[in-house]
């Protein structure tokens, strides 16, 4: 295990920083002395988080899937802070329910934000990370290790970012850039609480075998992520037992198939009855993403400079 590095004076970028994992990650990085650049789609929430940080901070309103906007954000962060040492590609949304009942726009948006948004974030900030010999932490999920039914878009996106980060690590390592993958199980965030509003999905999750079925507190999970950042770890596990899942992941598709088809057969009548109630993206973060898209990406991004707070 690598020794921890001091974060004092380091410059960290956190996407999806308005709430949940991103917000607490920004707060804990700042508490350890890092200057923090927050990126997201909720300017008032970003401002609230930024103003409460004890170290230098600024926030940018930007859609991580917009390459031009993210390139501009990267330039402005370097201009504001002088460098970028750490990037946490955390922004993400989720949508649940049977694939055939899913809203196609919402399904595609999960892929766009979670996978393509992470790629866009990496592309924008890699020049700065190369200059500083920095560290990129890509937030993935248990969903990348154990893809489960009723989560096709989310599992596909998180499996994708895991593979992307592994590939990128080998590509940029000789330049001094370290790349890590952060794995989280069900953690107490707006996204998970939003998913739990679907009664069938909540029950299916609760029937998962221990320890995968419980919701874990946010604080200890983010503490583990921060420790991984300090060590610039290749793999960071927000819950202790996730490390052990890596050694058995080759057997998981067969197990998930056996258990999944039994549970889906059991849940199918209730799923059919609640089909019309199932909507788009879940949680407050999902609602913010939908509001931004409804307002129009062009109009929103034109306000990026005025929404920035330093």
C-alpha atoms as a PDB file:
ATOM      1  CA  UNK A   1       0.000   0.000   0.000  1.00  0.00           C
ATOM      2  CA  UNK A   2       1.364   3.406  -0.984  1.00  0.00           C
ATOM      3  CA  UNK A   3       2.092   6.022   1.661  1.00  0.00           C
ATOM      4  CA  UNK A   4      -0.382   8.858   2.016  1.00  0.00           C
ATOM      5  CA  UNK A   5       0.554  12.207   0.494  1.00  0.00           C
ATOM      6  CA  UNK A   6      -0.363  15.503   2.046  1.00  0.00           C
ATOM      7  CA  UNK A   7      -3.156  17.318   0.230  1.00  0.00           C
ATOM      8  CA  UNK A   8      -2.083  20.681   1.628  1.00  0.00           C
ATOM      9  CA  UNK A   9      -2.011  23.198  -1.223  1.00  0.00           C
ATOM     10  CA  UNK A  10      -3.078  20.636  -3.848  1.00  0.00           C
ATOM     11  CA  UNK A  11      -5.746  21.658  -6.361  1.00  0.00           C
ATOM     12  CA  UNK A  12      -8.639  19.210  -6.681  1.00  0.00           C
ATOM     13  CA  UNK A  13     -11.474  19.242  -9.214  1.00  0.00           C
ATOM     14  CA  UNK A  14     -14.706  17.460  -8.268  1.00  0.00           C
ATOM     15  CA  UNK A  15     -17.543  16.970 -10.767  1.00  0.00           C
ATOM     16  CA  UNK A  16     -21.070  16.390  -9.545  1.00  0.00           C
ATOM     17  CA  UNK A  17     -20.085  18.426  -6.493  1.00  0.00           C
ATOM     18  CA  UNK A  18     -23.460  19.951  -5.596  1.00  0.00           C
ATOM     19  CA  UNK A  19     -24.618  17.077  -3.406  1.00  0.00           C
ATOM     20  CA  UNK A  20     -24.007  13.536  -2.221  1.00  0.00           C
ATOM     21  CA  UNK A  21     -20.594  11.946  -2.718  1.00  0.00           C
ATOM     22  CA  UNK A  22     -19.266  14.948  -4.646  1.00  0.00           C
ATOM     23  CA  UNK A  23     -20.249  17.515  -2.026  1.00  0.00           C
ATOM     24  CA  UNK A  24     -18.795  15.557   0.901  1.00  0.00           C
ATOM     25  CA  UNK A  25     -15.682  14.702  -1.093  1.00  0.00           C
ATOM     26  CA  UNK A  26     -15.114  18.419  -1.748  1.00  0.00           C
ATOM     27  CA  UNK A  27     -15.591  19.219   1.929  1.00  0.00           C
ATOM     28  CA  UNK A  28     -13.197  16.514   3.131  1.00  0.00           C
ATOM     29  CA  UNK A  29     -10.537  17.382   0.557  1.00  0.00           C
ATOM     30  CA  UNK A  30     -10.762  21.023   1.597  1.00  0.00           C
ATOM     31  CA  UNK A  31     -10.519  20.049   5.274  1.00  0.00           C
ATOM     32  CA  UNK A  32      -7.191  18.403   4.431  1.00  0.00           C
ATOM     33  CA  UNK A  33      -5.862  21.583   2.875  1.00  0.00           C
ATOM     34  CA  UNK A  34      -6.733  21.166  -0.812  1.00  0.00           C
ATOM     35  CA  UNK A  35      -8.082  23.996  -2.925  1.00  0.00           C
ATOM     36  CA  UNK A  36     -11.237  22.785  -4.623  1.00  0.00           C
ATOM     37  CA  UNK A  37     -12.898  23.509  -7.969  1.00  0.00           C
ATOM     38  CA  UNK A  38     -16.502  22.336  -7.971  1.00  0.00           C
ATOM     39  CA  UNK A  39     -18.294  21.493 -11.224  1.00  0.00           C
ATOM     40  CA  UNK A  40     -21.975  20.689 -11.642  1.00  0.00           C
ATOM     41  CA  UNK A  41     -25.443  21.659 -12.834  1.00  0.00           C
ATOM     42  CA  UNK A  42     -26.840  23.269  -9.670  1.00  0.00           C
ATOM     43  CA  UNK A  43     -25.262  26.726  -9.360  1.00  0.00           C
ATOM     44  CA  UNK A  44     -26.943  27.677  -6.095  1.00  0.00           C
ATOM     45  CA  UNK A  45     -25.996  24.408  -4.451  1.00  0.00           C
ATOM     46  CA  UNK A  46     -22.448  24.662  -5.785  1.00  0.00           C
ATOM     47  CA  UNK A  47     -22.210  28.196  -4.408  1.00  0.00           C
ATOM     48  CA  UNK A  48     -23.459  27.006  -1.020  1.00  0.00           C
ATOM     49  CA  UNK A  49     -20.859  24.235  -0.883  1.00  0.00           C
ATOM     50  CA  UNK A  50     -18.044  26.489  -2.112  1.00  0.00           C
ATOM     51  CA  UNK A  51     -18.744  29.257   0.400  1.00  0.00           C
ATOM     52  CA  UNK A  52     -18.485  26.815   3.309  1.00  0.00           C
ATOM     53  CA  UNK A  53     -15.122  25.348   2.368  1.00  0.00           C
ATOM     54  CA  UNK A  54     -12.204  26.415   4.585  1.00  0.00           C
ATOM     55  CA  UNK A  55      -9.697  26.649   1.727  1.00  0.00           C
ATOM     56  CA  UNK A  56      -9.685  28.485  -1.595  1.00  0.00           C
ATOM     57  CA  UNK A  57     -12.499  27.320  -3.864  1.00  0.00           C
ATOM     58  CA  UNK A  58     -14.514  28.224  -6.928  1.00  0.00           C
ATOM     59  CA  UNK A  59     -17.437  26.672  -8.733  1.00  0.00           C
ATOM     60  CA  UNK A  60     -18.362  26.229 -12.384  1.00  0.00           C
ATOM     61  CA  UNK A  61     -21.767  25.491 -13.857  1.00  0.00           C
ATOM     62  CA  UNK A  62     -21.163  23.037 -16.685  1.00  0.00           C
ATOM     63  CA  UNK A  63     -22.534  19.867 -18.224  1.00  0.00           C
ATOM     64  CA  UNK A  64     -19.806  17.216 -18.146  1.00  0.00           C
ATOM     65  CA  UNK A  65     -20.990  15.887 -21.501  1.00  0.00           C
ATOM     66  CA  UNK A  66     -20.253  19.218 -23.229  1.00  0.00           C
ATOM     67  CA  UNK A  67     -16.667  19.060 -24.500  1.00  0.00           C
ATOM     68  CA  UNK A  68     -16.357  22.794 -25.190  1.00  0.00           C
ATOM     69  CA  UNK A  69     -17.701  23.738 -21.783  1.00  0.00           C
ATOM     70  CA  UNK A  70     -15.420  21.312 -19.962  1.00  0.00           C
ATOM     71  CA  UNK A  71     -12.378  22.465 -21.944  1.00  0.00           C
ATOM     72  CA  UNK A  72     -13.188  26.023 -20.925  1.00  0.00           C
ATOM     73  CA  UNK A  73     -13.640  24.981 -17.301  1.00  0.00           C
ATOM     74  CA  UNK A  74     -10.248  23.241 -17.337  1.00  0.00           C
ATOM     75  CA  UNK A  75      -8.573  26.369 -18.705  1.00  0.00           C
ATOM     76  CA  UNK A  76     -10.246  28.587 -16.128  1.00  0.00           C
ATOM     77  CA  UNK A  77      -9.399  26.284 -13.223  1.00  0.00           C
ATOM     78  CA  UNK A  78      -5.710  26.369 -14.194  1.00  0.00           C
ATOM     79  CA  UNK A  79      -5.934  30.157 -14.623  1.00  0.00           C
ATOM     80  CA  UNK A  80      -7.596  30.514 -11.205  1.00  0.00           C
ATOM     81  CA  UNK A  81      -5.434  28.103  -9.183  1.00  0.00           C
ATOM     82  CA  UNK A  82      -2.264  27.722 -11.266  1.00  0.00           C
ATOM     83  CA  UNK A  83      -2.445  23.932 -11.605  1.00  0.00           C
ATOM     84  CA  UNK A  84      -4.629  20.850 -11.262  1.00  0.00           C
ATOM     85  CA  UNK A  85      -3.307  17.989  -9.138  1.00  0.00           C
ATOM     86  CA  UNK A  86      -6.410  15.838  -8.593  1.00  0.00           C
ATOM     87  CA  UNK A  87      -9.552  15.245 -10.650  1.00  0.00           C
ATOM     88  CA  UNK A  88     -12.491  13.276  -9.234  1.00  0.00           C
ATOM     89  CA  UNK A  89     -14.817  12.257 -12.076  1.00  0.00           C
ATOM     90  CA  UNK A  90     -17.852  11.765  -9.875  1.00  0.00           C
ATOM     91  CA  UNK A  91     -20.809  13.224 -11.808  1.00  0.00           C
ATOM     92  CA  UNK A  92     -23.460  10.593 -12.393  1.00  0.00           C
ATOM     93  CA  UNK A  93     -27.168   9.908 -12.798  1.00  0.00           C
ATOM     94  CA  UNK A  94     -29.279   6.767 -12.618  1.00  0.00           C
ATOM     95  CA  UNK A  95     -32.443   5.280 -14.004  1.00  0.00           C
ATOM     96  CA  UNK A  96     -34.068   2.049 -12.883  1.00  0.00           C
ATOM     97  CA  UNK A  97     -36.663  -0.458 -13.976  1.00  0.00           C
ATOM     98  CA  UNK A  98     -37.027  -3.092 -16.714  1.00  0.00           C
ATOM     99  CA  UNK A  99     -35.115  -2.262 -19.890  1.00  0.00           C
ATOM    100  CA  UNK A 100     -38.134  -2.697 -22.172  1.00  0.00           C
ATOM    101  CA  UNK A 101     -40.152  -0.261 -20.049  1.00  0.00           C
ATOM    102  CA  UNK A 102     -37.373   2.297 -19.806  1.00  0.00           C
ATOM    103  CA  UNK A 103     -37.667   5.786 -21.217  1.00  0.00           C
ATOM    104  CA  UNK A 104     -35.118   5.823 -24.039  1.00  0.00           C
ATOM    105  CA  UNK A 105     -34.057   9.443 -23.508  1.00  0.00           C
ATOM    106  CA  UNK A 106     -33.373   8.837 -19.818  1.00  0.00           C
ATOM    107  CA  UNK A 107     -31.598   5.531 -20.552  1.00  0.00           C
ATOM    108  CA  UNK A 108     -29.277   7.207 -23.044  1.00  0.00           C
ATOM    109  CA  UNK A 109     -28.673  10.118 -20.705  1.00  0.00           C
ATOM    110  CA  UNK A 110     -27.278   7.773 -18.052  1.00  0.00           C
ATOM    111  CA  UNK A 111     -24.717   6.538 -20.583  1.00  0.00           C
ATOM    112  CA  UNK A 112     -23.956  10.089 -21.714  1.00  0.00           C
ATOM    113  CA  UNK A 113     -23.363  11.492 -18.229  1.00  0.00           C
ATOM    114  CA  UNK A 114     -21.740   8.543 -16.491  1.00  0.00           C
ATOM    115  CA  UNK A 115     -19.551   7.236 -19.306  1.00  0.00           C
ATOM    116  CA  UNK A 116     -19.140   9.941 -21.930  1.00  0.00           C
ATOM    117  CA  UNK A 117     -19.139  12.686 -19.291  1.00  0.00           C
ATOM    118  CA  UNK A 118     -16.284  10.953 -17.499  1.00  0.00           C
ATOM    119  CA  UNK A 119     -14.386  10.624 -20.761  1.00  0.00           C
ATOM    120  CA  UNK A 120     -14.961  14.298 -21.531  1.00  0.00           C
ATOM    121  CA  UNK A 121     -13.762  15.249 -18.043  1.00  0.00           C
ATOM    122  CA  UNK A 122     -10.587  13.214 -18.474  1.00  0.00           C
ATOM    123  CA  UNK A 123      -9.913  14.670 -21.929  1.00  0.00           C
ATOM    124  CA  UNK A 124     -10.317  18.223 -20.642  1.00  0.00           C
ATOM    125  CA  UNK A 125      -8.086  17.849 -17.584  1.00  0.00           C
ATOM    126  CA  UNK A 126      -5.405  15.374 -18.686  1.00  0.00           C
ATOM    127  CA  UNK A 127      -3.061  18.086 -20.036  1.00  0.00           C
ATOM    128  CA  UNK A 128      -3.088  19.776 -16.618  1.00  0.00           C
ATOM    129  CA  UNK A 129      -2.707  16.443 -14.798  1.00  0.00           C
ATOM    130  CA  UNK A 130       0.223  15.580 -17.047  1.00  0.00           C
ATOM    131  CA  UNK A 131       1.884  18.881 -16.206  1.00  0.00           C
ATOM    132  CA  UNK A 132       1.461  18.268 -12.465  1.00  0.00           C
ATOM    133  CA  UNK A 133       1.999  14.477 -12.606  1.00  0.00           C
ATOM    134  CA  UNK A 134      -1.372  14.287 -10.957  1.00  0.00           C
ATOM    135  CA  UNK A 135      -4.117  11.797 -10.138  1.00  0.00           C
ATOM    136  CA  UNK A 136      -7.489  11.031 -11.722  1.00  0.00           C
ATOM    137  CA  UNK A 137     -10.052   9.171  -9.621  1.00  0.00           C
ATOM    138  CA  UNK A 138     -12.888   7.729 -11.661  1.00  0.00           C
ATOM    139  CA  UNK A 139     -15.942   6.895  -9.567  1.00  0.00           C
ATOM    140  CA  UNK A 140     -17.399   3.551 -10.607  1.00  0.00           C
ATOM    141  CA  UNK A 141     -19.651   1.246  -8.585  1.00  0.00           C
ATOM    142  CA  UNK A 142     -20.441  -2.236  -7.378  1.00  0.00           C
ATOM    143  CA  UNK A 143     -22.539  -2.206 -10.569  1.00  0.00           C
ATOM    144  CA  UNK A 144     -19.313  -2.569 -12.564  1.00  0.00           C
ATOM    145  CA  UNK A 145     -18.362  -5.706 -10.639  1.00  0.00           C
ATOM    146  CA  UNK A 146     -21.805  -7.262 -10.361  1.00  0.00           C
ATOM    147  CA  UNK A 147     -24.203  -5.941 -13.065  1.00  0.00           C
ATOM    148  CA  UNK A 148     -27.740  -6.592 -11.841  1.00  0.00           C
ATOM    149  CA  UNK A 149     -31.193  -6.588 -13.487  1.00  0.00           C
ATOM    150  CA  UNK A 150     -33.338  -3.436 -13.454  1.00  0.00           C
ATOM    151  CA  UNK A 151     -30.189  -1.298 -13.771  1.00  0.00           C
ATOM    152  CA  UNK A 152     -29.098  -1.848 -17.371  1.00  0.00           C
ATOM    153  CA  UNK A 153     -28.067   1.733 -18.162  1.00  0.00           C
ATOM    154  CA  UNK A 154     -26.304   2.303 -14.857  1.00  0.00           C
ATOM    155  CA  UNK A 155     -24.455  -1.017 -14.969  1.00  0.00           C
ATOM    156  CA  UNK A 156     -23.410  -0.495 -18.582  1.00  0.00           C
ATOM    157  CA  UNK A 157     -22.119   3.007 -17.807  1.00  0.00           C
ATOM    158  CA  UNK A 158     -20.185   2.007 -14.702  1.00  0.00           C
ATOM    159  CA  UNK A 159     -18.680  -1.054 -16.377  1.00  0.00           C
ATOM    160  CA  UNK A 160     -17.646   1.287 -19.167  1.00  0.00           C
ATOM    161  CA  UNK A 161     -15.934   3.843 -16.942  1.00  0.00           C
ATOM    162  CA  UNK A 162     -14.126   1.083 -15.073  1.00  0.00           C
ATOM    163  CA  UNK A 163     -12.711  -0.285 -18.332  1.00  0.00           C
ATOM    164  CA  UNK A 164     -11.910   3.226 -19.553  1.00  0.00           C
ATOM    165  CA  UNK A 165      -9.969   4.037 -16.378  1.00  0.00           C
ATOM    166  CA  UNK A 166      -8.021   0.766 -16.464  1.00  0.00           C
ATOM    167  CA  UNK A 167      -7.078   1.371 -20.087  1.00  0.00           C
ATOM    168  CA  UNK A 168      -6.166   4.996 -19.463  1.00  0.00           C
ATOM    169  CA  UNK A 169      -3.985   4.071 -16.479  1.00  0.00           C
ATOM    170  CA  UNK A 170      -1.706   1.991 -18.678  1.00  0.00           C
ATOM    171  CA  UNK A 171      -1.655   4.708 -21.330  1.00  0.00           C
ATOM    172  CA  UNK A 172      -0.628   7.673 -19.186  1.00  0.00           C
ATOM    173  CA  UNK A 173       1.356   6.048 -16.388  1.00  0.00           C
ATOM    174  CA  UNK A 174       4.714   6.643 -18.059  1.00  0.00           C
ATOM    175  CA  UNK A 175       3.900  10.377 -17.994  1.00  0.00           C
ATOM    176  CA  UNK A 176       3.575  10.322 -14.232  1.00  0.00           C
ATOM    177  CA  UNK A 177      -0.233  10.454 -14.173  1.00  0.00           C
ATOM    178  CA  UNK A 178      -1.908   7.993 -11.812  1.00  0.00           C
ATOM    179  CA  UNK A 179      -5.464   6.765 -12.463  1.00  0.00           C
ATOM    180  CA  UNK A 180      -7.708   5.140  -9.878  1.00  0.00           C
ATOM    181  CA  UNK A 181     -11.155   3.558  -9.854  1.00  0.00           C
ATOM    182  CA  UNK A 182     -13.457   4.131  -6.887  1.00  0.00           C
ATOM    183  CA  UNK A 183     -16.049   1.460  -6.098  1.00  0.00           C
ATOM    184  CA  UNK A 184     -19.149   2.147  -4.006  1.00  0.00           C
ATOM    185  CA  UNK A 185     -22.012  -0.090  -2.986  1.00  0.00           C
ATOM    186  CA  UNK A 186     -25.429   1.353  -2.071  1.00  0.00           C
ATOM    187  CA  UNK A 187     -24.535   4.547  -0.208  1.00  0.00           C
ATOM    188  CA  UNK A 188     -26.883   7.007   1.458  1.00  0.00           C
ATOM    189  CA  UNK A 189     -27.249   9.679  -1.230  1.00  0.00           C
ATOM    190  CA  UNK A 190     -30.120  11.404  -3.018  1.00  0.00           C
ATOM    191  CA  UNK A 191     -29.631   9.002  -5.926  1.00  0.00           C
ATOM    192  CA  UNK A 192     -30.107   5.889  -3.802  1.00  0.00           C
ATOM    193  CA  UNK A 193     -33.005   7.426  -1.881  1.00  0.00           C
ATOM    194  CA  UNK A 194     -34.598   8.358  -5.192  1.00  0.00           C
ATOM    195  CA  UNK A 195     -34.243   4.811  -6.497  1.00  0.00           C
ATOM    196  CA  UNK A 196     -35.812   3.514  -3.288  1.00  0.00           C
ATOM    197  CA  UNK A 197     -38.970   5.471  -4.029  1.00  0.00           C
ATOM    198  CA  UNK A 198     -39.799   2.708  -6.498  1.00  0.00           C
ATOM    199  CA  UNK A 199     -41.370   0.118  -4.209  1.00  0.00           C
ATOM    200  CA  UNK A 200     -40.473  -2.875  -6.376  1.00  0.00           C
ATOM    201  CA  UNK A 201     -36.851  -1.831  -6.814  1.00  0.00           C
ATOM    202  CA  UNK A 202     -36.531  -1.119  -3.108  1.00  0.00           C
ATOM    203  CA  UNK A 203     -37.810  -4.582  -2.236  1.00  0.00           C
ATOM    204  CA  UNK A 204     -35.577  -6.287  -4.798  1.00  0.00           C
ATOM    205  CA  UNK A 205     -32.547  -4.505  -3.387  1.00  0.00           C
ATOM    206  CA  UNK A 206     -33.465  -5.414   0.182  1.00  0.00           C
ATOM    207  CA  UNK A 207     -33.610  -9.065  -0.848  1.00  0.00           C
ATOM    208  CA  UNK A 208     -30.001  -9.032  -2.024  1.00  0.00           C
ATOM    209  CA  UNK A 209     -27.705 -11.223   0.102  1.00  0.00           C
ATOM    210  CA  UNK A 210     -25.724  -9.580   2.901  1.00  0.00           C
ATOM    211  CA  UNK A 211     -23.768  -7.337   2.703  1.00  0.00           C
ATOM    212  CA  UNK A 212     -24.911  -6.127  -0.720  1.00  0.00           C
ATOM    213  CA  UNK A 213     -28.496  -5.326   0.251  1.00  0.00           C
ATOM    214  CA  UNK A 214     -27.964  -2.644   2.883  1.00  0.00           C
ATOM    215  CA  UNK A 215     -27.466   1.104   2.479  1.00  0.00           C
ATOM    216  CA  UNK A 216     -24.155   2.348   3.853  1.00  0.00           C
ATOM    217  CA  UNK A 217     -23.525   5.744   5.507  1.00  0.00           C
ATOM    218  CA  UNK A 218     -21.964   8.380   3.300  1.00  0.00           C
ATOM    219  CA  UNK A 219     -19.278   9.650   5.658  1.00  0.00           C
ATOM    220  CA  UNK A 220     -17.150   6.496   6.053  1.00  0.00           C
ATOM    221  CA  UNK A 221     -17.459   5.780   2.318  1.00  0.00           C
ATOM    222  CA  UNK A 222     -16.074   9.192   1.399  1.00  0.00           C
ATOM    223  CA  UNK A 223     -13.346   8.868   4.033  1.00  0.00           C
ATOM    224  CA  UNK A 224     -12.134   5.774   2.179  1.00  0.00           C
ATOM    225  CA  UNK A 225     -12.196   7.653  -1.124  1.00  0.00           C
ATOM    226  CA  UNK A 226     -10.112  10.471   0.367  1.00  0.00           C
ATOM    227  CA  UNK A 227      -7.605   7.949   1.748  1.00  0.00           C
ATOM    228  CA  UNK A 228      -7.341   6.464  -1.746  1.00  0.00           C
ATOM    229  CA  UNK A 229      -6.714   9.924  -3.198  1.00  0.00           C
ATOM    230  CA  UNK A 230      -3.990  10.549  -0.637  1.00  0.00           C
ATOM    231  CA  UNK A 231      -2.344   7.263  -1.668  1.00  0.00           C
ATOM    232  CA  UNK A 232      -3.128   7.759  -5.378  1.00  0.00           C
ATOM    233  CA  UNK A 233      -4.451   4.208  -5.343  1.00  0.00           C
ATOM    234  CA  UNK A 234      -5.323   2.236  -8.458  1.00  0.00           C
ATOM    235  CA  UNK A 235      -8.391   0.792  -6.699  1.00  0.00           C
ATOM    236  CA  UNK A 236     -10.387   2.458  -3.918  1.00  0.00           C
ATOM    237  CA  UNK A 237     -13.158   0.628  -2.082  1.00  0.00           C
ATOM    238  CA  UNK A 238     -15.720   2.735  -0.251  1.00  0.00           C
ATOM    239  CA  UNK A 239     -17.002  -0.306   1.652  1.00  0.00           C
ATOM    240  CA  UNK A 240     -14.571  -2.837   3.116  1.00  0.00           C
ATOM    241  CA  UNK A 241     -16.095  -5.938   1.527  1.00  0.00           C
ATOM    242  CA  UNK A 242     -15.954  -4.681  -2.076  1.00  0.00           C
ATOM    243  CA  UNK A 243     -12.266  -5.588  -2.340  1.00  0.00           C
ATOM    244  CA  UNK A 244     -13.178  -9.242  -1.853  1.00  0.00           C
ATOM    245  CA  UNK A 245     -15.721  -9.086  -4.693  1.00  0.00           C
ATOM    246  CA  UNK A 246     -12.889  -8.652  -7.182  1.00  0.00           C
ATOM    247  CA  UNK A 247     -11.614 -12.176  -6.515  1.00  0.00           C
ATOM    248  CA  UNK A 248     -14.989 -13.785  -7.275  1.00  0.00           C
ATOM    249  CA  UNK A 249     -16.340 -11.493  -9.990  1.00  0.00           C
ATOM    250  CA  UNK A 250     -15.831 -14.138 -12.672  1.00  0.00           C
ATOM    251  CA  UNK A 251     -18.501 -16.265 -11.005  1.00  0.00           C
ATOM    252  CA  UNK A 252     -20.988 -13.462 -10.448  1.00  0.00           C
ATOM    253  CA  UNK A 253     -22.757 -13.369 -13.858  1.00  0.00           C
ATOM    254  CA  UNK A 254     -23.863 -16.992 -13.436  1.00  0.00           C
ATOM    255  CA  UNK A 255     -25.061 -16.338  -9.876  1.00  0.00           C
ATOM    256  CA  UNK A 256     -26.827 -13.105 -10.812  1.00  0.00           C
ATOM    257  CA  UNK A 257     -28.560 -14.870 -13.701  1.00  0.00           C
ATOM    258  CA  UNK A 258     -29.852 -17.637 -11.451  1.00  0.00           C
ATOM    259  CA  UNK A 259     -31.034 -15.351  -8.672  1.00  0.00           C
ATOM    260  CA  UNK A 260     -32.117 -12.536 -10.980  1.00  0.00           C
ATOM    261  CA  UNK A 261     -34.497 -14.524 -13.127  1.00  0.00           C
ATOM    262  CA  UNK A 262     -36.141 -15.956  -9.995  1.00  0.00           C
ATOM    263  CA  UNK A 263     -36.620 -12.500  -8.494  1.00  0.00           C
ATOM    264  CA  UNK A 264     -37.810 -10.982 -11.766  1.00  0.00           C
ATOM    265  CA  UNK A 265     -40.396 -13.740 -12.204  1.00  0.00           C
ATOM    266  CA  UNK A 266     -41.614 -13.014  -8.687  1.00  0.00           C
ATOM    267  CA  UNK A 267     -41.751  -9.237  -9.241  1.00  0.00           C
ATOM    268  CA  UNK A 268     -43.152  -9.202 -12.781  1.00  0.00           C
ATOM    269  CA  UNK A 269     -46.862  -8.796 -11.889  1.00  0.00           C
ATOM    270  CA  UNK A 270     -46.103  -5.769  -9.684  1.00  0.00           C
ATOM    271  CA  UNK A 271     -43.783  -4.301 -12.301  1.00  0.00           C
ATOM    272  CA  UNK A 272     -46.566  -4.482 -14.882  1.00  0.00           C
ATOM    273  CA  UNK A 273     -48.975  -2.771 -12.491  1.00  0.00           C
ATOM    274  CA  UNK A 274     -46.611   0.112 -11.780  1.00  0.00           C
ATOM    275  CA  UNK A 275     -45.223   0.578 -15.312  1.00  0.00           C
ATOM    276  CA  UNK A 276     -46.864   3.979 -15.833  1.00  0.00           C
ATOM    277  CA  UNK A 277     -45.475   5.306 -12.562  1.00  0.00           C
ATOM    278  CA  UNK A 278     -41.877   4.698 -13.577  1.00  0.00           C
ATOM    279  CA  UNK A 279     -40.266   7.875 -14.878  1.00  0.00           C
ATOM    280  CA  UNK A 280     -36.860   9.141 -15.889  1.00  0.00           C
ATOM    281  CA  UNK A 281     -33.725   9.859 -13.869  1.00  0.00           C
ATOM    282  CA  UNK A 282     -33.887   9.307 -10.126  1.00  0.00           C
ATOM    283  CA  UNK A 283     -33.078  11.600  -7.206  1.00  0.00           C
ATOM    284  CA  UNK A 284     -32.434  15.330  -6.916  1.00  0.00           C
ATOM    285  CA  UNK A 285     -29.344  15.110  -9.111  1.00  0.00           C
ATOM    286  CA  UNK A 286     -31.384  13.461 -11.847  1.00  0.00           C
ATOM    287  CA  UNK A 287     -34.031  16.161 -11.539  1.00  0.00           C
ATOM    288  CA  UNK A 288     -31.345  18.842 -11.855  1.00  0.00           C
ATOM    289  CA  UNK A 289     -30.018  17.198 -15.009  1.00  0.00           C
ATOM    290  CA  UNK A 290     -33.485  17.075 -16.526  1.00  0.00           C
ATOM    291  CA  UNK A 291     -34.119  20.732 -15.646  1.00  0.00           C
ATOM    292  CA  UNK A 292     -30.863  21.762 -17.291  1.00  0.00           C
ATOM    293  CA  UNK A 293     -31.718  19.879 -20.475  1.00  0.00           C
ATOM    294  CA  UNK A 294     -35.261  21.245 -20.521  1.00  0.00           C
ATOM    295  CA  UNK A 295     -33.939  24.792 -20.175  1.00  0.00           C
ATOM    296  CA  UNK A 296     -31.633  24.210 -23.148  1.00  0.00           C
ATOM    297  CA  UNK A 297     -27.952  23.331 -22.976  1.00  0.00           C
ATOM    298  CA  UNK A 298     -26.879  26.311 -25.056  1.00  0.00           C
ATOM    299  CA  UNK A 299     -28.642  28.863 -22.854  1.00  0.00           C
ATOM    300  CA  UNK A 300     -27.368  27.199 -19.693  1.00  0.00           C
ATOM    301  CA  UNK A 301     -23.761  27.077 -20.771  1.00  0.00           C
ATOM    302  CA  UNK A 302     -23.828  30.695 -21.922  1.00  0.00           C
ATOM    303  CA  UNK A 303     -24.257  31.603 -18.250  1.00  0.00           C
ATOM    304  CA  UNK A 304     -21.235  29.592 -17.103  1.00  0.00           C
ATOM    305  CA  UNK A 305     -18.957  32.592 -16.550  1.00  0.00           C
ATOM    306  CA  UNK A 306     -21.577  34.556 -14.630  1.00  0.00           C
ATOM    307  CA  UNK A 307     -22.390  31.526 -12.468  1.00  0.00           C
ATOM    308  CA  UNK A 308     -18.763  31.013 -11.494  1.00  0.00           C
ATOM    309  CA  UNK A 309     -17.943  32.066  -7.934  1.00  0.00           C
ATOM    310  CA  UNK A 310     -14.437  32.753  -6.740  1.00  0.00           C
END
